[in-house]
Structure formats: structure tokens, C-alpha cells
Amino acid sequence: MRTANRTKPKTAFGIEVRLFTAQTGMNMKELAENAGVKYTTLVETTTGRCAGRQLIPAVRRYMDDYQREET
């Protein structure tokens, strides 16, 4: 008998965000604040509940800039 999987699977963007937060030690709230987006919208976008047409480019731009500064 299988148990219910109660977690929502991550989108490709959600996986990208998780990798970034794991590599940098930054949490999702810090990422949202630094990228200038709402935390709840960021969470919903990573699980596919929200389209994030404006959010995804803003967060990706921040992640790219952050990684460029680190190297």
C-alpha cells in the first residue's frame, strides 16, 4: 500500500532555486528579500501554483549577479 505524497513536486525553476540556496546557504526568505519579490509568490512559483512571469526573471537575475560576485 502506498502512502500519500503530500509535498508538491518542484518545477525546473524550483529545483534551480533549491540548488542556489543549498550552494549559498541563503534561505528562501532571504532570496526573496534580496531579489525584491514576495516570499509567498516565490514559494508558489517553485511548486507551479503561480506563473511568475515577472518573478522568475528577477530572481534569476539576482542569482546570476550573486554568483558572479562570488567568483
PDB file of N, CA and C in Angstrom:
ATOM      1  N   MET A   1       0.839  -1.178   0.000  1.00  0.00           N
ATOM      2  CA  MET A   1       0.000   0.000   0.000  1.00  0.00           C
ATOM      3  C   MET A   1       0.888   1.247   0.000  1.00  0.00           C
ATOM      4  N   ARG A   2       0.563   2.179  -0.843  1.00  0.00           N
ATOM      5  CA  ARG A   2       1.342   3.413  -0.942  1.00  0.00           C
ATOM      6  C   ARG A   2       0.803   4.480  -0.004  1.00  0.00           C
ATOM      7  N   THR A   3       1.695   5.318   0.485  1.00  0.00           N
ATOM      8  CA  THR A   3       1.264   6.444   1.300  1.00  0.00           C
ATOM      9  C   THR A   3       1.132   7.673   0.409  1.00  0.00           C
ATOM     10  N   ALA A   4       0.327   8.592   0.819  1.00  0.00           N
ATOM     11  CA  ALA A   4       0.111   9.803   0.038  1.00  0.00           C
ATOM     12  C   ALA A   4       1.351  10.687   0.077  1.00  0.00           C
ATOM     13  N   ASN A   5       1.703  11.212  -1.059  1.00  0.00           N
ATOM     14  CA  ASN A   5       2.816  12.148  -1.143  1.00  0.00           C
ATOM     15  C   ASN A   5       2.245  13.547  -0.989  1.00  0.00           C
ATOM     16  N   ARG A   6       2.445  14.154   0.152  1.00  0.00           N
ATOM     17  CA  ARG A   6       1.818  15.431   0.450  1.00  0.00           C
ATOM     18  C   ARG A   6       2.651  16.634   0.024  1.00  0.00           C
ATOM     19  N   THR A   7       3.846  16.445  -0.409  1.00  0.00           N
ATOM     20  CA  THR A   7       4.649  17.568  -0.868  1.00  0.00           C
ATOM     21  C   THR A   7       4.428  17.771  -2.359  1.00  0.00           C
ATOM     22  N   LYS A   8       4.414  19.021  -2.746  1.00  0.00           N
ATOM     23  CA  LYS A   8       4.231  19.331  -4.157  1.00  0.00           C
ATOM     24  C   LYS A   8       5.576  19.205  -4.860  1.00  0.00           C
ATOM     25  N   PRO A   9       5.614  18.568  -6.013  1.00  0.00           N
ATOM     26  CA  PRO A   9       6.883  18.464  -6.728  1.00  0.00           C
ATOM     27  C   PRO A   9       7.346  19.830  -7.216  1.00  0.00           C
ATOM     28  N   LYS A  10       8.632  20.029  -7.232  1.00  0.00           N
ATOM     29  CA  LYS A  10       9.200  21.290  -7.656  1.00  0.00           C
ATOM     30  C   LYS A  10       9.225  21.390  -9.179  1.00  0.00           C
ATOM     31  N   THR A  11       9.080  22.606  -9.673  1.00  0.00           N
ATOM     32  CA  THR A  11       9.243  22.874 -11.096  1.00  0.00           C
ATOM     33  C   THR A  11      10.740  22.963 -11.388  1.00  0.00           C
ATOM     34  N   ALA A  12      11.090  23.113 -12.656  1.00  0.00           N
ATOM     35  CA  ALA A  12      12.506  23.276 -13.020  1.00  0.00           C
ATOM     36  C   ALA A  12      13.083  24.519 -12.335  1.00  0.00           C
ATOM     37  N   PHE A  13      12.292  25.584 -12.274  1.00  0.00           N
ATOM     38  CA  PHE A  13      12.730  26.796 -11.578  1.00  0.00           C
ATOM     39  C   PHE A  13      12.875  26.534 -10.081  1.00  0.00           C
ATOM     40  N   GLY A  14      11.980  25.739  -9.525  1.00  0.00           N
ATOM     41  CA  GLY A  14      12.061  25.399  -8.107  1.00  0.00           C
ATOM     42  C   GLY A  14      13.330  24.637  -7.768  1.00  0.00           C
ATOM     43  N   ILE A  15      13.711  23.731  -8.637  1.00  0.00           N
ATOM     44  CA  ILE A  15      14.955  22.978  -8.442  1.00  0.00           C
ATOM     45  C   ILE A  15      16.154  23.913  -8.544  1.00  0.00           C
ATOM     46  N   GLU A  16      16.102  24.830  -9.496  1.00  0.00           N
ATOM     47  CA  GLU A  16      17.170  25.819  -9.668  1.00  0.00           C
ATOM     48  C   GLU A  16      17.323  26.674  -8.403  1.00  0.00           C
ATOM     49  N   VAL A  17      16.204  27.087  -7.833  1.00  0.00           N
ATOM     50  CA  VAL A  17      16.227  27.888  -6.601  1.00  0.00           C
ATOM     51  C   VAL A  17      16.782  27.061  -5.445  1.00  0.00           C
ATOM     52  N   ARG A  18      16.363  25.817  -5.317  1.00  0.00           N
ATOM     53  CA  ARG A  18      16.857  24.948  -4.239  1.00  0.00           C
ATOM     54  C   ARG A  18      18.359  24.724  -4.343  1.00  0.00           C
ATOM     55  N   LEU A  19      18.867  24.525  -5.538  1.00  0.00           N
ATOM     56  CA  LEU A  19      20.306  24.358  -5.725  1.00  0.00           C
ATOM     57  C   LEU A  19      21.053  25.626  -5.308  1.00  0.00           C
ATOM     58  N   PHE A  20      20.519  26.773  -5.711  1.00  0.00           N
ATOM     59  CA  PHE A  20      21.151  28.042  -5.359  1.00  0.00           C
ATOM     60  C   PHE A  20      21.181  28.239  -3.846  1.00  0.00           C
ATOM     61  N   THR A  21      20.059  27.981  -3.191  1.00  0.00           N
ATOM     62  CA  THR A  21      20.018  28.178  -1.738  1.00  0.00           C
ATOM     63  C   THR A  21      20.916  27.178  -1.022  1.00  0.00           C
ATOM     64  N   ALA A  22      21.036  25.978  -1.545  1.00  0.00           N
ATOM     65  CA  ALA A  22      21.920  24.981  -0.925  1.00  0.00           C
ATOM     66  C   ALA A  22      23.386  25.374  -1.090  1.00  0.00           C
ATOM     67  N   GLN A  23      23.734  25.909  -2.250  1.00  0.00           N
ATOM     68  CA  GLN A  23      25.124  26.289  -2.517  1.00  0.00           C
ATOM     69  C   GLN A  23      25.544  27.521  -1.726  1.00  0.00           C
ATOM     70  N   THR A  24      24.635  28.462  -1.545  1.00  0.00           N
ATOM     71  CA  THR A  24      24.984  29.728  -0.902  1.00  0.00           C
ATOM     72  C   THR A  24      24.681  29.757   0.585  1.00  0.00           C
ATOM     73  N   GLY A  25      23.841  28.860   1.069  1.00  0.00           N
ATOM     74  CA  GLY A  25      23.446  28.887   2.467  1.00  0.00           C
ATOM     75  C   GLY A  25      22.359  29.913   2.750  1.00  0.00           C
ATOM     76  N   MET A  26      21.845  30.512   1.708  1.00  0.00           N
ATOM     77  CA  MET A  26      20.784  31.512   1.825  1.00  0.00           C
ATOM     78  C   MET A  26      19.450  30.781   1.930  1.00  0.00           C
ATOM     79  N   ASN A  27      18.524  31.305   2.714  1.00  0.00           N
ATOM     80  CA  ASN A  27      17.208  30.668   2.753  1.00  0.00           C
ATOM     81  C   ASN A  27      16.270  31.376   1.773  1.00  0.00           C
ATOM     82  N   MET A  28      15.087  30.809   1.600  1.00  0.00           N
ATOM     83  CA  MET A  28      14.138  31.341   0.606  1.00  0.00           C
ATOM     84  C   MET A  28      13.676  32.758   0.953  1.00  0.00           C
ATOM     85  N   LYS A  29      13.510  33.043   2.238  1.00  0.00           N
ATOM     86  CA  LYS A  29      13.079  34.391   2.632  1.00  0.00           C
ATOM     87  C   LYS A  29      14.145  35.417   2.289  1.00  0.00           C
ATOM     88  N   GLU A  30      15.405  35.084   2.542  1.00  0.00           N
ATOM     89  CA  GLU A  30      16.492  35.998   2.196  1.00  0.00           C
ATOM     90  C   GLU A  30      16.580  36.198   0.686  1.00  0.00           C
ATOM     91  N   LEU A  31      16.424  35.120  -0.060  1.00  0.00           N
ATOM     92  CA  LEU A  31      16.461  35.216  -1.518  1.00  0.00           C
ATOM     93  C   LEU A  31      15.349  36.126  -2.019  1.00  0.00           C
ATOM     94  N   ALA A  32      14.147  35.942  -1.514  1.00  0.00           N
ATOM     95  CA  ALA A  32      13.017  36.775  -1.940  1.00  0.00           C
ATOM     96  C   ALA A  32      13.261  38.243  -1.598  1.00  0.00           C
ATOM     97  N   GLU A  33      13.745  38.496  -0.392  1.00  0.00           N
ATOM     98  CA  GLU A  33      14.003  39.870   0.039  1.00  0.00           C
ATOM     99  C   GLU A  33      15.094  40.514  -0.811  1.00  0.00           C
ATOM    100  N   ASN A  34      16.182  39.800  -1.047  1.00  0.00           N
ATOM    101  CA  ASN A  34      17.287  40.338  -1.825  1.00  0.00           C
ATOM    102  C   ASN A  34      16.930  40.546  -3.297  1.00  0.00           C
ATOM    103  N   ALA A  35      16.060  39.699  -3.835  1.00  0.00           N
ATOM    104  CA  ALA A  35      15.654  39.822  -5.235  1.00  0.00           C
ATOM    105  C   ALA A  35      14.511  40.820  -5.407  1.00  0.00           C
ATOM    106  N   GLY A  36      13.914  41.259  -4.304  1.00  0.00           N
ATOM    107  CA  GLY A  36      12.838  42.240  -4.366  1.00  0.00           C
ATOM    108  C   GLY A  36      11.500  41.659  -4.790  1.00  0.00           C
ATOM    109  N   VAL A  37      11.239  40.415  -4.375  1.00  0.00           N
ATOM    110  CA  VAL A  37       9.968  39.763  -4.712  1.00  0.00           C
ATOM    111  C   VAL A  37       9.299  39.284  -3.434  1.00  0.00           C
ATOM    112  N   LYS A  38       8.019  38.956  -3.532  1.00  0.00           N
ATOM    113  CA  LYS A  38       7.289  38.450  -2.368  1.00  0.00           C
ATOM    114  C   LYS A  38       7.682  36.997  -2.102  1.00  0.00           C
ATOM    115  N   TYR A  39       7.870  36.687  -0.834  1.00  0.00           N
ATOM    116  CA  TYR A  39       8.245  35.330  -0.434  1.00  0.00           C
ATOM    117  C   TYR A  39       7.171  34.323  -0.824  1.00  0.00           C
ATOM    118  N   THR A  40       5.917  34.639  -0.557  1.00  0.00           N
ATOM    119  CA  THR A  40       4.836  33.683  -0.846  1.00  0.00           C
ATOM    120  C   THR A  40       4.730  33.401  -2.345  1.00  0.00           C
ATOM    121  N   THR A  41       4.927  34.427  -3.153  1.00  0.00           N
ATOM    122  CA  THR A  41       4.871  34.230  -4.604  1.00  0.00           C
ATOM    123  C   THR A  41       6.050  33.384  -5.069  1.00  0.00           C
ATOM    124  N   LEU A  42       7.208  33.586  -4.471  1.00  0.00           N
ATOM    125  CA  LEU A  42       8.374  32.774  -4.820  1.00  0.00           C
ATOM    126  C   LEU A  42       8.115  31.309  -4.503  1.00  0.00           C
ATOM    127  N   VAL A  43       7.563  31.025  -3.346  1.00  0.00           N
ATOM    128  CA  VAL A  43       7.266  29.645  -2.955  1.00  0.00           C
ATOM    129  C   VAL A  43       6.239  29.039  -3.917  1.00  0.00           C
ATOM    130  N   GLU A  44       5.199  29.787  -4.233  1.00  0.00           N
ATOM    131  CA  GLU A  44       4.169  29.280  -5.135  1.00  0.00           C
ATOM    132  C   GLU A  44       4.705  29.045  -6.544  1.00  0.00           C
ATOM    133  N   THR A  45       5.636  29.866  -6.973  1.00  0.00           N
ATOM    134  CA  THR A  45       6.230  29.695  -8.299  1.00  0.00           C
ATOM    135  C   THR A  45       7.098  28.446  -8.365  1.00  0.00           C
ATOM    136  N   THR A  46       7.775  28.116  -7.278  1.00  0.00           N
ATOM    137  CA  THR A  46       8.650  26.934  -7.289  1.00  0.00           C
ATOM    138  C   THR A  46       7.869  25.633  -7.318  1.00  0.00           C
ATOM    139  N   THR A  47       6.568  25.682  -6.951  1.00  0.00           N
ATOM    140  CA  THR A  47       5.752  24.473  -6.981  1.00  0.00           C
ATOM    141  C   THR A  47       4.753  24.466  -8.121  1.00  0.00           C
ATOM    142  N   GLY A  48       4.753  25.512  -8.951  1.00  0.00           N
ATOM    143  CA  GLY A  48       3.871  25.543 -10.105  1.00  0.00           C
ATOM    144  C   GLY A  48       2.490  26.094  -9.843  1.00  0.00           C
ATOM    145  N   ARG A  49       2.250  26.663  -8.673  1.00  0.00           N
ATOM    146  CA  ARG A  49       0.936  27.228  -8.368  1.00  0.00           C
ATOM    147  C   ARG A  49       0.769  28.623  -8.941  1.00  0.00           C
ATOM    148  N   CYS A  50       1.863  29.240  -9.347  1.00  0.00           N
ATOM    149  CA  CYS A  50       1.839  30.620  -9.828  1.00  0.00           C
ATOM    150  C   CYS A  50       2.747  30.701 -11.054  1.00  0.00           C
ATOM    151  N   ALA A  51       2.366  31.466 -12.048  1.00  0.00           N
ATOM    152  CA  ALA A  51       3.145  31.540 -13.285  1.00  0.00           C
ATOM    153  C   ALA A  51       4.490  32.234 -13.087  1.00  0.00           C
ATOM    154  N   GLY A  52       4.517  33.341 -12.377  1.00  0.00           N
ATOM    155  CA  GLY A  52       5.761  34.025 -12.078  1.00  0.00           C
ATOM    156  C   GLY A  52       6.444  34.664 -13.268  1.00  0.00           C
ATOM    157  N   ARG A  53       5.672  35.234 -14.178  1.00  0.00           N
ATOM    158  CA  ARG A  53       6.253  35.831 -15.392  1.00  0.00           C
ATOM    159  C   ARG A  53       7.243  36.940 -15.086  1.00  0.00           C
ATOM    160  N   GLN A  54       6.974  37.713 -14.052  1.00  0.00           N
ATOM    161  CA  GLN A  54       7.882  38.795 -13.673  1.00  0.00           C
ATOM    162  C   GLN A  54       8.863  38.342 -12.594  1.00  0.00           C
ATOM    163  N   LEU A  55       8.435  37.434 -11.756  1.00  0.00           N
ATOM    164  CA  LEU A  55       9.260  36.985 -10.638  1.00  0.00           C
ATOM    165  C   LEU A  55      10.462  36.174 -11.095  1.00  0.00           C
ATOM    166  N   ILE A  56      10.268  35.226 -11.985  1.00  0.00           N
ATOM    167  CA  ILE A  56      11.348  34.324 -12.397  1.00  0.00           C
ATOM    168  C   ILE A  56      12.531  35.090 -12.993  1.00  0.00           C
ATOM    169  N   PRO A  57      12.317  36.025 -13.927  1.00  0.00           N
ATOM    170  CA  PRO A  57      13.480  36.770 -14.440  1.00  0.00           C
ATOM    171  C   PRO A  57      14.191  37.587 -13.363  1.00  0.00           C
ATOM    172  N   ALA A  58      13.439  38.164 -12.426  1.00  0.00           N
ATOM    173  CA  ALA A  58      14.051  38.965 -11.360  1.00  0.00           C
ATOM    174  C   ALA A  58      14.913  38.097 -10.450  1.00  0.00           C
ATOM    175  N   VAL A  59      14.412  36.936 -10.095  1.00  0.00           N
ATOM    176  CA  VAL A  59      15.159  36.042  -9.201  1.00  0.00           C
ATOM    177  C   VAL A  59      16.370  35.474  -9.932  1.00  0.00           C
ATOM    178  N   ARG A  60      16.203  35.083 -11.174  1.00  0.00           N
ATOM    179  CA  ARG A  60      17.346  34.564 -11.939  1.00  0.00           C
ATOM    180  C   ARG A  60      18.428  35.624 -12.103  1.00  0.00           C
ATOM    181  N   ARG A  61      18.024  36.863 -12.342  1.00  0.00           N
ATOM    182  CA  ARG A  61      18.993  37.960 -12.478  1.00  0.00           C
ATOM    183  C   ARG A  61      19.770  38.123 -11.179  1.00  0.00           C
ATOM    184  N   TYR A  62      19.065  38.085 -10.045  1.00  0.00           N
ATOM    185  CA  TYR A  62      19.741  38.211  -8.753  1.00  0.00           C
ATOM    186  C   TYR A  62      20.704  37.047  -8.526  1.00  0.00           C
ATOM    187  N   MET A  63      20.254  35.818  -8.827  1.00  0.00           N
ATOM    188  CA  MET A  63      21.106  34.650  -8.612  1.00  0.00           C
ATOM    189  C   MET A  63      22.360  34.721  -9.492  1.00  0.00           C
ATOM    190  N   ASP A  64      22.197  35.152 -10.745  1.00  0.00           N
ATOM    191  CA  ASP A  64      23.351  35.289 -11.642  1.00  0.00           C
ATOM    192  C   ASP A  64      24.324  36.343 -11.128  1.00  0.00           C
ATOM    193  N   ASP A  65      23.792  37.501 -10.712  1.00  0.00           N
ATOM    194  CA  ASP A  65      24.646  38.567 -10.181  1.00  0.00           C
ATOM    195  C   ASP A  65      25.375  38.118  -8.923  1.00  0.00           C
ATOM    196  N   TYR A  66      24.684  37.401  -8.059  1.00  0.00           N
ATOM    197  CA  TYR A  66      25.278  36.924  -6.812  1.00  0.00           C
ATOM    198  C   TYR A  66      26.424  35.948  -7.101  1.00  0.00           C
ATOM    199  N   GLN A  67      26.204  35.041  -8.027  1.00  0.00           N
ATOM    200  CA  GLN A  67      27.241  34.059  -8.358  1.00  0.00           C
ATOM    201  C   GLN A  67      28.425  34.719  -9.046  1.00  0.00           C
ATOM    202  N   ARG A  68      28.173  35.748  -9.855  1.00  0.00           N
ATOM    203  CA  ARG A  68      29.285  36.478 -10.494  1.00  0.00           C
ATOM    204  C   ARG A  68      30.135  37.194  -9.471  1.00  0.00           C
ATOM    205  N   GLU A  69      29.491  37.754  -8.451  1.00  0.00           N
ATOM    206  CA  GLU A  69      30.228  38.468  -7.394  1.00  0.00           C
ATOM    207  C   GLU A  69      31.071  37.516  -6.567  1.00  0.00           C
ATOM    208  N   GLU A  70      30.595  36.293  -6.376  1.00  0.00           N
ATOM    209  CA  GLU A  70      31.305  35.305  -5.565  1.00  0.00           C
ATOM    210  C   GLU A  70      32.542  34.759  -6.254  1.00  0.00           C
ATOM    211  N   THR A  71      32.544  34.746  -7.584  1.00  0.00           N
ATOM    212  CA  THR A  71      33.694  34.164  -8.289  1.00  0.00           C
ATOM    213  C   THR A  71      34.697  35.210  -8.695  1.00  0.00           C
TER     214      THR A  71
END
